mmCIF file of all heavy atoms, coordinates in Angstrom:
data_MODEL
# 
_entry.id   MODEL 
# 
loop_
_atom_site.group_PDB 
_atom_site.id 
_atom_site.type_symbol 
_atom_site.label_atom_id 
_atom_site.label_alt_id 
_atom_site.label_comp_id 
_atom_site.label_asym_id 
_atom_site.label_entity_id 
_atom_site.label_seq_id 
_atom_site.pdbx_PDB_ins_code 
_atom_site.Cartn_x 
_atom_site.Cartn_y 
_atom_site.Cartn_z 
_atom_site.occupancy 
_atom_site.B_iso_or_equiv 
_atom_site.pdbx_formal_charge 
_atom_site.auth_seq_id 
_atom_site.auth_comp_id 
_atom_site.auth_asym_id 
_atom_site.auth_atom_id 
_atom_site.pdbx_PDB_model_num 
ATOM 1   N N   . TYR A 1 1  ? -37.157 124.145 -66.779 1.00 0.00 ? 1  TYR A N   1 
ATOM 2   C CA  . TYR A 1 1  ? -37.044 125.577 -66.548 1.00 0.00 ? 1  TYR A CA  1 
ATOM 3   C C   . TYR A 1 1  ? -37.338 126.300 -67.856 1.00 0.00 ? 1  TYR A C   1 
ATOM 4   O O   . TYR A 1 1  ? -37.524 125.685 -68.901 1.00 0.00 ? 1  TYR A O   1 
ATOM 5   C CB  . TYR A 1 1  ? -35.648 125.942 -66.027 1.00 0.00 ? 1  TYR A CB  1 
ATOM 6   C CG  . TYR A 1 1  ? -34.522 125.808 -67.029 1.00 0.00 ? 1  TYR A CG  1 
ATOM 7   C CD1 . TYR A 1 1  ? -33.944 126.913 -67.619 1.00 0.00 ? 1  TYR A CD1 1 
ATOM 8   C CD2 . TYR A 1 1  ? -34.029 124.549 -67.393 1.00 0.00 ? 1  TYR A CD2 1 
ATOM 9   C CE1 . TYR A 1 1  ? -32.913 126.797 -68.534 1.00 0.00 ? 1  TYR A CE1 1 
ATOM 10  C CE2 . TYR A 1 1  ? -33.009 124.416 -68.301 1.00 0.00 ? 1  TYR A CE2 1 
ATOM 11  C CZ  . TYR A 1 1  ? -32.446 125.541 -68.872 1.00 0.00 ? 1  TYR A CZ  1 
ATOM 12  O OH  . TYR A 1 1  ? -31.436 125.409 -69.797 1.00 0.00 ? 1  TYR A OH  1 
ATOM 13  N N   . ILE A 1 2  ? -37.395 127.640 -67.779 1.00 0.00 ? 2  ILE A N   1 
ATOM 14  C CA  . ILE A 1 2  ? -37.727 128.438 -68.971 1.00 0.00 ? 2  ILE A CA  1 
ATOM 15  C C   . ILE A 1 2  ? -36.444 128.607 -69.787 1.00 0.00 ? 2  ILE A C   1 
ATOM 16  O O   . ILE A 1 2  ? -35.690 129.569 -69.613 1.00 0.00 ? 2  ILE A O   1 
ATOM 17  C CB  . ILE A 1 2  ? -38.345 129.787 -68.581 1.00 0.00 ? 2  ILE A CB  1 
ATOM 18  C CG1 . ILE A 1 2  ? -39.566 129.553 -67.696 1.00 0.00 ? 2  ILE A CG1 1 
ATOM 19  C CG2 . ILE A 1 2  ? -38.748 130.554 -69.842 1.00 0.00 ? 2  ILE A CG2 1 
ATOM 20  C CD1 . ILE A 1 2  ? -40.151 130.833 -67.112 1.00 0.00 ? 2  ILE A CD1 1 
ATOM 21  N N   . PHE A 1 3  ? -36.209 127.674 -70.690 1.00 0.00 ? 3  PHE A N   1 
ATOM 22  C CA  . PHE A 1 3  ? -34.961 127.588 -71.444 1.00 0.00 ? 3  PHE A CA  1 
ATOM 23  C C   . PHE A 1 3  ? -34.612 128.895 -72.141 1.00 0.00 ? 3  PHE A C   1 
ATOM 24  O O   . PHE A 1 3  ? -33.464 129.338 -72.129 1.00 0.00 ? 3  PHE A O   1 
ATOM 25  C CB  . PHE A 1 3  ? -35.105 126.455 -72.466 1.00 0.00 ? 3  PHE A CB  1 
ATOM 26  C CG  . PHE A 1 3  ? -33.928 126.257 -73.367 1.00 0.00 ? 3  PHE A CG  1 
ATOM 27  C CD1 . PHE A 1 3  ? -32.832 125.520 -72.955 1.00 0.00 ? 3  PHE A CD1 1 
ATOM 28  C CD2 . PHE A 1 3  ? -33.926 126.792 -74.652 1.00 0.00 ? 3  PHE A CD2 1 
ATOM 29  C CE1 . PHE A 1 3  ? -31.743 125.318 -73.795 1.00 0.00 ? 3  PHE A CE1 1 
ATOM 30  C CE2 . PHE A 1 3  ? -32.857 126.602 -75.498 1.00 0.00 ? 3  PHE A CE2 1 
ATOM 31  C CZ  . PHE A 1 3  ? -31.760 125.860 -75.071 1.00 0.00 ? 3  PHE A CZ  1 
ATOM 32  N N   . GLY A 1 4  ? -35.591 129.517 -72.737 1.00 0.00 ? 4  GLY A N   1 
ATOM 33  C CA  . GLY A 1 4  ? -35.332 130.641 -73.639 1.00 0.00 ? 4  GLY A CA  1 
ATOM 34  C C   . GLY A 1 4  ? -34.815 131.906 -72.992 1.00 0.00 ? 4  GLY A C   1 
ATOM 35  O O   . GLY A 1 4  ? -34.393 132.818 -73.713 1.00 0.00 ? 4  GLY A O   1 
ATOM 36  N N   . ILE A 1 5  ? -34.786 131.994 -71.669 1.00 0.00 ? 5  ILE A N   1 
ATOM 37  C CA  . ILE A 1 5  ? -34.340 133.230 -71.027 1.00 0.00 ? 5  ILE A CA  1 
ATOM 38  C C   . ILE A 1 5  ? -32.969 133.092 -70.372 1.00 0.00 ? 5  ILE A C   1 
ATOM 39  O O   . ILE A 1 5  ? -32.498 134.023 -69.725 1.00 0.00 ? 5  ILE A O   1 
ATOM 40  C CB  . ILE A 1 5  ? -35.365 133.738 -69.988 1.00 0.00 ? 5  ILE A CB  1 
ATOM 41  C CG1 . ILE A 1 5  ? -35.493 132.759 -68.818 1.00 0.00 ? 5  ILE A CG1 1 
ATOM 42  C CG2 . ILE A 1 5  ? -36.709 133.985 -70.651 1.00 0.00 ? 5  ILE A CG2 1 
ATOM 43  C CD1 . ILE A 1 5  ? -36.355 133.302 -67.679 1.00 0.00 ? 5  ILE A CD1 1 
ATOM 44  N N   . PHE A 1 6  ? -32.338 131.918 -70.553 1.00 0.00 ? 6  PHE A N   1 
ATOM 45  C CA  . PHE A 1 6  ? -31.042 131.676 -69.923 1.00 0.00 ? 6  PHE A CA  1 
ATOM 46  C C   . PHE A 1 6  ? -29.930 131.545 -70.959 1.00 0.00 ? 6  PHE A C   1 
ATOM 47  O O   . PHE A 1 6  ? -30.136 130.974 -72.034 1.00 0.00 ? 6  PHE A O   1 
ATOM 48  C CB  . PHE A 1 6  ? -31.075 130.385 -69.099 1.00 0.00 ? 6  PHE A CB  1 
ATOM 49  C CG  . PHE A 1 6  ? -31.768 130.539 -67.771 1.00 0.00 ? 6  PHE A CG  1 
ATOM 50  C CD1 . PHE A 1 6  ? -33.143 130.419 -67.681 1.00 0.00 ? 6  PHE A CD1 1 
ATOM 51  C CD2 . PHE A 1 6  ? -31.046 130.795 -66.627 1.00 0.00 ? 6  PHE A CD2 1 
ATOM 52  C CE1 . PHE A 1 6  ? -33.790 130.556 -66.467 1.00 0.00 ? 6  PHE A CE1 1 
ATOM 53  C CE2 . PHE A 1 6  ? -31.671 130.927 -65.402 1.00 0.00 ? 6  PHE A CE2 1 
ATOM 54  C CZ  . PHE A 1 6  ? -33.047 130.813 -65.318 1.00 0.00 ? 6  PHE A CZ  1 
ATOM 55  N N   . ASN A 1 7  ? -28.726 132.053 -70.601 1.00 0.00 ? 7  ASN A N   1 
ATOM 56  C CA  . ASN A 1 7  ? -27.534 131.680 -71.357 1.00 0.00 ? 7  ASN A CA  1 
ATOM 57  C C   . ASN A 1 7  ? -27.341 130.175 -71.263 1.00 0.00 ? 7  ASN A C   1 
ATOM 58  O O   . ASN A 1 7  ? -27.712 129.537 -70.264 1.00 0.00 ? 7  ASN A O   1 
ATOM 59  C CB  . ASN A 1 7  ? -26.287 132.339 -70.771 1.00 0.00 ? 7  ASN A CB  1 
ATOM 60  C CG  . ASN A 1 7  ? -26.261 133.834 -70.947 1.00 0.00 ? 7  ASN A CG  1 
ATOM 61  O OD1 . ASN A 1 7  ? -26.956 134.390 -71.793 1.00 0.00 ? 7  ASN A OD1 1 
ATOM 62  N ND2 . ASN A 1 7  ? -25.472 134.506 -70.138 1.00 0.00 ? 7  ASN A ND2 1 
ATOM 63  N N   . MET A 1 8  ? -26.749 129.592 -72.314 1.00 0.00 ? 8  MET A N   1 
ATOM 64  C CA  . MET A 1 8  ? -26.406 128.172 -72.298 1.00 0.00 ? 8  MET A CA  1 
ATOM 65  C C   . MET A 1 8  ? -24.949 128.015 -72.703 1.00 0.00 ? 8  MET A C   1 
ATOM 66  O O   . MET A 1 8  ? -24.417 128.773 -73.514 1.00 0.00 ? 8  MET A O   1 
ATOM 67  C CB  . MET A 1 8  ? -27.290 127.387 -73.252 1.00 0.00 ? 8  MET A CB  1 
ATOM 68  C CG  . MET A 1 8  ? -28.716 127.195 -72.764 1.00 0.00 ? 8  MET A CG  1 
ATOM 69  S SD  . MET A 1 8  ? -28.799 126.238 -71.231 1.00 0.00 ? 8  MET A SD  1 
ATOM 70  C CE  . MET A 1 8  ? -28.106 124.656 -71.745 1.00 0.00 ? 8  MET A CE  1 
ATOM 71  N N   . GLY A 1 9  ? -24.313 127.017 -72.130 1.00 0.00 ? 9  GLY A N   1 
ATOM 72  C CA  . GLY A 1 9  ? -22.908 126.777 -72.437 1.00 0.00 ? 9  GLY A CA  1 
ATOM 73  C C   . GLY A 1 9  ? -22.615 125.313 -72.676 1.00 0.00 ? 9  GLY A C   1 
ATOM 74  O O   . GLY A 1 9  ? -23.314 124.444 -72.162 1.00 0.00 ? 9  GLY A O   1 
ATOM 75  N N   . TRP A 1 10 ? -21.597 125.066 -73.482 1.00 0.00 ? 10 TRP A N   1 
ATOM 76  C CA  . TRP A 1 10 ? -21.012 123.736 -73.615 1.00 0.00 ? 10 TRP A CA  1 
ATOM 77  C C   . TRP A 1 10 ? -19.681 123.754 -72.869 1.00 0.00 ? 10 TRP A C   1 
ATOM 78  O O   . TRP A 1 10 ? -18.855 124.656 -73.069 1.00 0.00 ? 10 TRP A O   1 
ATOM 79  C CB  . TRP A 1 10 ? -20.794 123.357 -75.067 1.00 0.00 ? 10 TRP A CB  1 
ATOM 80  C CG  . TRP A 1 10 ? -22.026 122.853 -75.745 1.00 0.00 ? 10 TRP A CG  1 
ATOM 81  C CD1 . TRP A 1 10 ? -22.865 123.545 -76.565 1.00 0.00 ? 10 TRP A CD1 1 
ATOM 82  C CD2 . TRP A 1 10 ? -22.557 121.517 -75.664 1.00 0.00 ? 10 TRP A CD2 1 
ATOM 83  N NE1 . TRP A 1 10 ? -23.890 122.737 -76.978 1.00 0.00 ? 10 TRP A NE1 1 
ATOM 84  C CE2 . TRP A 1 10 ? -23.726 121.489 -76.450 1.00 0.00 ? 10 TRP A CE2 1 
ATOM 85  C CE3 . TRP A 1 10 ? -22.169 120.355 -75.006 1.00 0.00 ? 10 TRP A CE3 1 
ATOM 86  C CZ2 . TRP A 1 10 ? -24.510 120.334 -76.613 1.00 0.00 ? 10 TRP A CZ2 1 
ATOM 87  C CZ3 . TRP A 1 10 ? -22.937 119.214 -75.165 1.00 0.00 ? 10 TRP A CZ3 1 
ATOM 88  C CH2 . TRP A 1 10 ? -24.088 119.208 -75.948 1.00 0.00 ? 10 TRP A CH2 1 
ATOM 89  N N   . TYR A 1 11 ? -19.498 122.741 -72.055 1.00 0.00 ? 11 TYR A N   1 
ATOM 90  C CA  . TYR A 1 11 ? -18.287 122.569 -71.274 1.00 0.00 ? 11 TYR A CA  1 
ATOM 91  C C   . TYR A 1 11 ? -17.644 121.238 -71.661 1.00 0.00 ? 11 TYR A C   1 
ATOM 92  O O   . TYR A 1 11 ? -18.306 120.358 -72.208 1.00 0.00 ? 11 TYR A O   1 
ATOM 93  C CB  . TYR A 1 11 ? -18.618 122.521 -69.781 1.00 0.00 ? 11 TYR A CB  1 
ATOM 94  C CG  . TYR A 1 11 ? -19.269 123.748 -69.212 1.00 0.00 ? 11 TYR A CG  1 
ATOM 95  C CD1 . TYR A 1 11 ? -20.595 124.042 -69.479 1.00 0.00 ? 11 TYR A CD1 1 
ATOM 96  C CD2 . TYR A 1 11 ? -18.569 124.603 -68.370 1.00 0.00 ? 11 TYR A CD2 1 
ATOM 97  C CE1 . TYR A 1 11 ? -21.205 125.165 -68.942 1.00 0.00 ? 11 TYR A CE1 1 
ATOM 98  C CE2 . TYR A 1 11 ? -19.169 125.724 -67.817 1.00 0.00 ? 11 TYR A CE2 1 
ATOM 99  C CZ  . TYR A 1 11 ? -20.491 125.991 -68.106 1.00 0.00 ? 11 TYR A CZ  1 
ATOM 100 O OH  . TYR A 1 11 ? -21.087 127.103 -67.560 1.00 0.00 ? 11 TYR A OH  1 
ATOM 101 N N   . ARG A 1 12 ? -16.365 121.096 -71.308 1.00 0.00 ? 12 ARG A N   1 
ATOM 102 C CA  . ARG A 1 12 ? -15.732 119.800 -71.491 1.00 0.00 ? 12 ARG A CA  1 
ATOM 103 C C   . ARG A 1 12 ? -14.752 119.545 -70.355 1.00 0.00 ? 12 ARG A C   1 
ATOM 104 O O   . ARG A 1 12 ? -14.234 120.475 -69.742 1.00 0.00 ? 12 ARG A O   1 
ATOM 105 C CB  . ARG A 1 12 ? -15.013 119.705 -72.838 1.00 0.00 ? 12 ARG A CB  1 
ATOM 106 C CG  . ARG A 1 12 ? -13.796 120.599 -72.997 1.00 0.00 ? 12 ARG A CG  1 
ATOM 107 C CD  . ARG A 1 12 ? -13.260 120.493 -74.417 1.00 0.00 ? 12 ARG A CD  1 
ATOM 108 N NE  . ARG A 1 12 ? -12.075 121.319 -74.623 1.00 0.00 ? 12 ARG A NE  1 
ATOM 109 C CZ  . ARG A 1 12 ? -11.522 121.520 -75.813 1.00 0.00 ? 12 ARG A CZ  1 
ATOM 110 N NH1 . ARG A 1 12 ? -12.044 120.960 -76.908 1.00 0.00 ? 12 ARG A NH1 1 
ATOM 111 N NH2 . ARG A 1 12 ? -10.445 122.271 -75.917 1.00 0.00 ? 12 ARG A NH2 1 
ATOM 112 N N   . GLN A 1 13 ? -14.541 118.259 -70.106 1.00 0.00 ? 13 GLN A N   1 
ATOM 113 C CA  . GLN A 1 13 ? -13.608 117.857 -69.059 1.00 0.00 ? 13 GLN A CA  1 
ATOM 114 C C   . GLN A 1 13 ? -12.837 116.641 -69.528 1.00 0.00 ? 13 GLN A C   1 
ATOM 115 O O   . GLN A 1 13 ? -13.424 115.586 -69.788 1.00 0.00 ? 13 GLN A O   1 
ATOM 116 C CB  . GLN A 1 13 ? -14.347 117.558 -67.756 1.00 0.00 ? 13 GLN A CB  1 
ATOM 117 C CG  . GLN A 1 13 ? -13.422 117.291 -66.581 1.00 0.00 ? 13 GLN A CG  1 
ATOM 118 C CD  . GLN A 1 13 ? -14.165 117.235 -65.259 1.00 0.00 ? 13 GLN A CD  1 
ATOM 119 O OE1 . GLN A 1 13 ? -15.373 117.005 -65.206 1.00 0.00 ? 13 GLN A OE1 1 
ATOM 120 N NE2 . GLN A 1 13 ? -13.440 117.468 -64.168 1.00 0.00 ? 13 GLN A NE2 1 
ATOM 121 N N   . ALA A 1 14 ? -11.533 116.804 -69.642 1.00 0.00 ? 14 ALA A N   1 
ATOM 122 C CA  . ALA A 1 14 ? -10.642 115.702 -69.984 1.00 0.00 ? 14 ALA A CA  1 
ATOM 123 C C   . ALA A 1 14 ? -10.117 115.082 -68.689 1.00 0.00 ? 14 ALA A C   1 
ATOM 124 O O   . ALA A 1 14 ? -10.099 115.746 -67.647 1.00 0.00 ? 14 ALA A O   1 
ATOM 125 C CB  . ALA A 1 14 ? -9.491  116.206 -70.843 1.00 0.00 ? 14 ALA A CB  1 
ATOM 126 N N   . PRO A 1 15 ? -9.682  113.835 -68.735 1.00 0.00 ? 15 PRO A N   1 
ATOM 127 C CA  . PRO A 1 15 ? -9.166  113.180 -67.518 1.00 0.00 ? 15 PRO A CA  1 
ATOM 128 C C   . PRO A 1 15 ? -8.057  113.991 -66.864 1.00 0.00 ? 15 PRO A C   1 
ATOM 129 O O   . PRO A 1 15 ? -7.134  114.457 -67.539 1.00 0.00 ? 15 PRO A O   1 
ATOM 130 C CB  . PRO A 1 15 ? -8.649  111.839 -68.038 1.00 0.00 ? 15 PRO A CB  1 
ATOM 131 C CG  . PRO A 1 15 ? -9.464  111.576 -69.259 1.00 0.00 ? 15 PRO A CG  1 
ATOM 132 C CD  . PRO A 1 15 ? -9.696  112.917 -69.878 1.00 0.00 ? 15 PRO A CD  1 
ATOM 133 N N   . GLY A 1 16 ? -8.169  114.191 -65.542 1.00 0.00 ? 16 GLY A N   1 
ATOM 134 C CA  . GLY A 1 16 ? -7.130  114.897 -64.805 1.00 0.00 ? 16 GLY A CA  1 
ATOM 135 C C   . GLY A 1 16 ? -7.161  116.408 -64.941 1.00 0.00 ? 16 GLY A C   1 
ATOM 136 O O   . GLY A 1 16 ? -6.237  117.089 -64.479 1.00 0.00 ? 16 GLY A O   1 
ATOM 137 N N   . THR A 1 17 ? -8.212  116.931 -65.590 1.00 0.00 ? 17 THR A N   1 
ATOM 138 C CA  . THR A 1 17 ? -8.305  118.382 -65.758 1.00 0.00 ? 17 THR A CA  1 
ATOM 139 C C   . THR A 1 17 ? -9.620  118.891 -65.184 1.00 0.00 ? 17 THR A C   1 
ATOM 140 O O   . THR A 1 17 ? -10.540 118.122 -64.910 1.00 0.00 ? 17 THR A O   1 
ATOM 141 C CB  . THR A 1 17 ? -8.221  118.781 -67.237 1.00 0.00 ? 17 THR A CB  1 
ATOM 142 O OG1 . THR A 1 17 ? -9.411  118.349 -67.922 1.00 0.00 ? 17 THR A OG1 1 
ATOM 143 C CG2 . THR A 1 17 ? -7.004  118.147 -67.906 1.00 0.00 ? 17 THR A CG2 1 
ATOM 144 N N   . GLU A 1 18 ? -9.706  120.207 -65.012 1.00 0.00 ? 18 GLU A N   1 
ATOM 145 C CA  . GLU A 1 18 ? -10.951 120.810 -64.555 1.00 0.00 ? 18 GLU A CA  1 
ATOM 146 C C   . GLU A 1 18 ? -11.894 121.019 -65.730 1.00 0.00 ? 18 GLU A C   1 
ATOM 147 O O   . GLU A 1 18 ? -11.467 121.142 -66.881 1.00 0.00 ? 18 GLU A O   1 
ATOM 148 C CB  . GLU A 1 18 ? -10.664 122.152 -63.878 1.00 0.00 ? 18 GLU A CB  1 
ATOM 149 C CG  . GLU A 1 18 ? -9.893  122.020 -62.571 1.00 0.00 ? 18 GLU A CG  1 
ATOM 150 C CD  . GLU A 1 18 ? -9.826  123.324 -61.819 1.00 0.00 ? 18 GLU A CD  1 
ATOM 151 O OE1 . GLU A 1 18 ? -10.298 124.347 -62.349 1.00 0.00 ? 18 GLU A OE1 1 
ATOM 152 O OE2 . GLU A 1 18 ? -9.300  123.330 -60.690 1.00 0.00 ? 18 GLU A OE2 1 
ATOM 153 N N   . ARG A 1 19 ? -13.179 121.040 -65.435 1.00 0.00 ? 19 ARG A N   1 
ATOM 154 C CA  . ARG A 1 19 ? -14.180 121.321 -66.460 1.00 0.00 ? 19 ARG A CA  1 
ATOM 155 C C   . ARG A 1 19 ? -13.990 122.750 -66.964 1.00 0.00 ? 19 ARG A C   1 
ATOM 156 O O   . ARG A 1 19 ? -13.794 123.675 -66.180 1.00 0.00 ? 19 ARG A O   1 
ATOM 157 C CB  . ARG A 1 19 ? -15.568 121.147 -65.868 1.00 0.00 ? 19 ARG A CB  1 
ATOM 158 C CG  . ARG A 1 19 ? -16.707 121.159 -66.856 1.00 0.00 ? 19 ARG A CG  1 
ATOM 159 C CD  . ARG A 1 19 ? -18.006 120.855 -66.139 1.00 0.00 ? 19 ARG A CD  1 
ATOM 160 N NE  . ARG A 1 19 ? -18.055 119.478 -65.675 1.00 0.00 ? 19 ARG A NE  1 
ATOM 161 C CZ  . ARG A 1 19 ? -18.894 119.033 -64.742 1.00 0.00 ? 19 ARG A CZ  1 
ATOM 162 N NH1 . ARG A 1 19 ? -19.733 119.879 -64.159 1.00 0.00 ? 19 ARG A NH1 1 
ATOM 163 N NH2 . ARG A 1 19 ? -18.883 117.775 -64.376 1.00 0.00 ? 19 ARG A NH2 1 
ATOM 164 N N   . GLU A 1 20 ? -14.035 122.924 -68.287 1.00 0.00 ? 20 GLU A N   1 
ATOM 165 C CA  . GLU A 1 20 ? -13.849 124.245 -68.871 1.00 0.00 ? 20 GLU A CA  1 
ATOM 166 C C   . GLU A 1 20 ? -15.005 124.584 -69.802 1.00 0.00 ? 20 GLU A C   1 
ATOM 167 O O   . GLU A 1 20 ? -15.551 123.717 -70.482 1.00 0.00 ? 20 GLU A O   1 
ATOM 168 C CB  . GLU A 1 20 ? -12.527 124.317 -69.648 1.00 0.00 ? 20 GLU A CB  1 
ATOM 169 C CG  . GLU A 1 20 ? -12.439 123.378 -70.836 1.00 0.00 ? 20 GLU A CG  1 
ATOM 170 C CD  . GLU A 1 20 ? -11.244 123.632 -71.735 1.00 0.00 ? 20 GLU A CD  1 
ATOM 171 O OE1 . GLU A 1 20 ? -10.686 124.755 -71.703 1.00 0.00 ? 20 GLU A OE1 1 
ATOM 172 O OE2 . GLU A 1 20 ? -10.872 122.722 -72.487 1.00 0.00 ? 20 GLU A OE2 1 
ATOM 173 N N   . LEU A 1 21 ? -15.336 125.870 -69.840 1.00 0.00 ? 21 LEU A N   1 
ATOM 174 C CA  . LEU A 1 21 ? -16.373 126.359 -70.738 1.00 0.00 ? 21 LEU A CA  1 
ATOM 175 C C   . LEU A 1 21 ? -15.745 126.589 -72.108 1.00 0.00 ? 21 LEU A C   1 
ATOM 176 O O   . LEU A 1 21 ? -14.761 127.313 -72.225 1.00 0.00 ? 21 LEU A O   1 
ATOM 177 C CB  . LEU A 1 21 ? -16.955 127.666 -70.202 1.00 0.00 ? 21 LEU A CB  1 
ATOM 178 C CG  . LEU A 1 21 ? -18.007 128.358 -71.051 1.00 0.00 ? 21 LEU A CG  1 
ATOM 179 C CD1 . LEU A 1 21 ? -19.265 127.512 -71.162 1.00 0.00 ? 21 LEU A CD1 1 
ATOM 180 C CD2 . LEU A 1 21 ? -18.335 129.725 -70.465 1.00 0.00 ? 21 LEU A CD2 1 
ATOM 181 N N   . VAL A 1 22 ? -16.314 125.972 -73.148 1.00 0.00 ? 22 VAL A N   1 
ATOM 182 C CA  . VAL A 1 22 ? -15.751 126.133 -74.484 1.00 0.00 ? 22 VAL A CA  1 
ATOM 183 C C   . VAL A 1 22 ? -16.616 126.988 -75.398 1.00 0.00 ? 22 VAL A C   1 
ATOM 184 O O   . VAL A 1 22 ? -16.110 127.553 -76.367 1.00 0.00 ? 22 VAL A O   1 
ATOM 185 C CB  . VAL A 1 22 ? -15.462 124.780 -75.166 1.00 0.00 ? 22 VAL A CB  1 
ATOM 186 C CG1 . VAL A 1 22 ? -14.414 123.989 -74.389 1.00 0.00 ? 22 VAL A CG1 1 
ATOM 187 C CG2 . VAL A 1 22 ? -16.722 123.950 -75.336 1.00 0.00 ? 22 VAL A CG2 1 
ATOM 188 N N   . ALA A 1 23 ? -17.925 127.081 -75.109 1.00 0.00 ? 23 ALA A N   1 
ATOM 189 C CA  . ALA A 1 23 ? -18.792 127.879 -75.970 1.00 0.00 ? 23 ALA A CA  1 
ATOM 190 C C   . ALA A 1 23 ? -19.996 128.345 -75.173 1.00 0.00 ? 23 ALA A C   1 
ATOM 191 O O   . ALA A 1 23 ? -20.518 127.608 -74.340 1.00 0.00 ? 23 ALA A O   1 
ATOM 192 C CB  . ALA A 1 23 ? -19.246 127.067 -77.183 1.00 0.00 ? 23 ALA A CB  1 
ATOM 193 N N   . LEU A 1 24 ? -20.427 129.576 -75.459 1.00 0.00 ? 24 LEU A N   1 
ATOM 194 C CA  . LEU A 1 24 ? -21.540 130.187 -74.742 1.00 0.00 ? 24 LEU A CA  1 
ATOM 195 C C   . LEU A 1 24 ? -22.489 130.816 -75.752 1.00 0.00 ? 24 LEU A C   1 
ATOM 196 O O   . LEU A 1 24 ? -22.040 131.391 -76.760 1.00 0.00 ? 24 LEU A O   1 
ATOM 197 C CB  . LEU A 1 24 ? -21.022 131.264 -73.794 1.00 0.00 ? 24 LEU A CB  1 
ATOM 198 C CG  . LEU A 1 24 ? -22.056 132.075 -73.018 1.00 0.00 ? 24 LEU A CG  1 
ATOM 199 C CD1 . LEU A 1 24 ? -22.627 131.219 -71.901 1.00 0.00 ? 24 LEU A CD1 1 
ATOM 200 C CD2 . LEU A 1 24 ? -21.450 133.344 -72.447 1.00 0.00 ? 24 LEU A CD2 1 
ATOM 201 N N   . ILE A 1 25 ? -23.791 130.729 -75.466 1.00 0.00 ? 25 ILE A N   1 
ATOM 202 C CA  . ILE A 1 25 ? -24.780 131.370 -76.327 1.00 0.00 ? 25 ILE A CA  1 
ATOM 203 C C   . ILE A 1 25 ? -25.814 132.049 -75.446 1.00 0.00 ? 25 ILE A C   1 
ATOM 204 O O   . ILE A 1 25 ? -26.296 131.474 -74.473 1.00 0.00 ? 25 ILE A O   1 
ATOM 205 C CB  . ILE A 1 25 ? -25.410 130.358 -77.312 1.00 0.00 ? 25 ILE A CB  1 
ATOM 206 C CG1 . ILE A 1 25 ? -26.294 131.063 -78.325 1.00 0.00 ? 25 ILE A CG1 1 
ATOM 207 C CG2 . ILE A 1 25 ? -26.168 129.243 -76.587 1.00 0.00 ? 25 ILE A CG2 1 
ATOM 208 C CD1 . ILE A 1 25 ? -26.664 130.178 -79.530 1.00 0.00 ? 25 ILE A CD1 1 
ATOM 209 N N   . THR A 1 26 ? -26.151 133.285 -75.788 1.00 0.00 ? 26 THR A N   1 
ATOM 210 C CA  . THR A 1 26 ? -27.138 134.045 -75.032 1.00 0.00 ? 26 THR A CA  1 
ATOM 211 C C   . THR A 1 26 ? -28.551 133.707 -75.519 1.00 0.00 ? 26 THR A C   1 
ATOM 212 O O   . THR A 1 26 ? -28.720 133.043 -76.548 1.00 0.00 ? 26 THR A O   1 
ATOM 213 C CB  . THR A 1 26 ? -26.892 135.549 -75.197 1.00 0.00 ? 26 THR A CB  1 
ATOM 214 O OG1 . THR A 1 26 ? -27.158 135.912 -76.562 1.00 0.00 ? 26 THR A OG1 1 
ATOM 215 C CG2 . THR A 1 26 ? -25.464 135.926 -74.836 1.00 0.00 ? 26 THR A CG2 1 
ATOM 216 N N   . PRO A 1 27 ? -29.572 134.167 -74.822 1.00 0.00 ? 27 PRO A N   1 
ATOM 217 C CA  . PRO A 1 27 ? -30.947 133.882 -75.275 1.00 0.00 ? 27 PRO A CA  1 
ATOM 218 C C   . PRO A 1 27 ? -31.230 134.376 -76.691 1.00 0.00 ? 27 PRO A C   1 
ATOM 219 O O   . PRO A 1 27 ? -32.045 133.755 -77.398 1.00 0.00 ? 27 PRO A O   1 
ATOM 220 C CB  . PRO A 1 27 ? -31.807 134.607 -74.241 1.00 0.00 ? 27 PRO A CB  1 
ATOM 221 C CG  . PRO A 1 27 ? -30.985 134.557 -72.995 1.00 0.00 ? 27 PRO A CG  1 
ATOM 222 C CD  . PRO A 1 27 ? -29.572 134.745 -73.466 1.00 0.00 ? 27 PRO A CD  1 
ATOM 223 N N   . ASN A 1 28 ? -30.590 135.466 -77.110 1.00 0.00 ? 28 ASN A N   1 
ATOM 224 C CA  . ASN A 1 28 ? -30.818 135.948 -78.487 1.00 0.00 ? 28 ASN A CA  1 
ATOM 225 C C   . ASN A 1 28 ? -29.691 135.521 -79.432 1.00 0.00 ? 28 ASN A C   1 
ATOM 226 O O   . ASN A 1 28 ? -29.475 136.155 -80.467 1.00 0.00 ? 28 ASN A O   1 
ATOM 227 C CB  . ASN A 1 28 ? -30.992 137.464 -78.504 1.00 0.00 ? 28 ASN A CB  1 
ATOM 228 C CG  . ASN A 1 28 ? -29.785 138.205 -77.974 1.00 0.00 ? 28 ASN A CG  1 
ATOM 229 O OD1 . ASN A 1 28 ? -28.842 137.591 -77.491 1.00 0.00 ? 28 ASN A OD1 1 
ATOM 230 N ND2 . ASN A 1 28 ? -29.802 139.516 -78.076 1.00 0.00 ? 28 ASN A ND2 1 
ATOM 231 N N   . SER A 1 29 ? -28.969 134.455 -79.030 1.00 0.00 ? 29 SER A N   1 
ATOM 232 C CA  . SER A 1 29 ? -28.004 133.760 -79.896 1.00 0.00 ? 29 SER A CA  1 
ATOM 233 C C   . SER A 1 29 ? -26.713 134.509 -80.172 1.00 0.00 ? 29 SER A C   1 
ATOM 234 O O   . SER A 1 29 ? -26.051 134.245 -81.188 1.00 0.00 ? 29 SER A O   1 
ATOM 235 C CB  . SER A 1 29 ? -28.666 133.315 -81.209 1.00 0.00 ? 29 SER A CB  1 
ATOM 236 O OG  . SER A 1 29 ? -29.636 132.325 -80.935 1.00 0.00 ? 29 SER A OG  1 
# 
């Protein structure tokens, strides 16, 4: 896909927990 026009996020999931968003970056950083 066209990477440069989308927000991107890092998520994490520990055992027994829901996936959570820990960091977000917009197309212009």
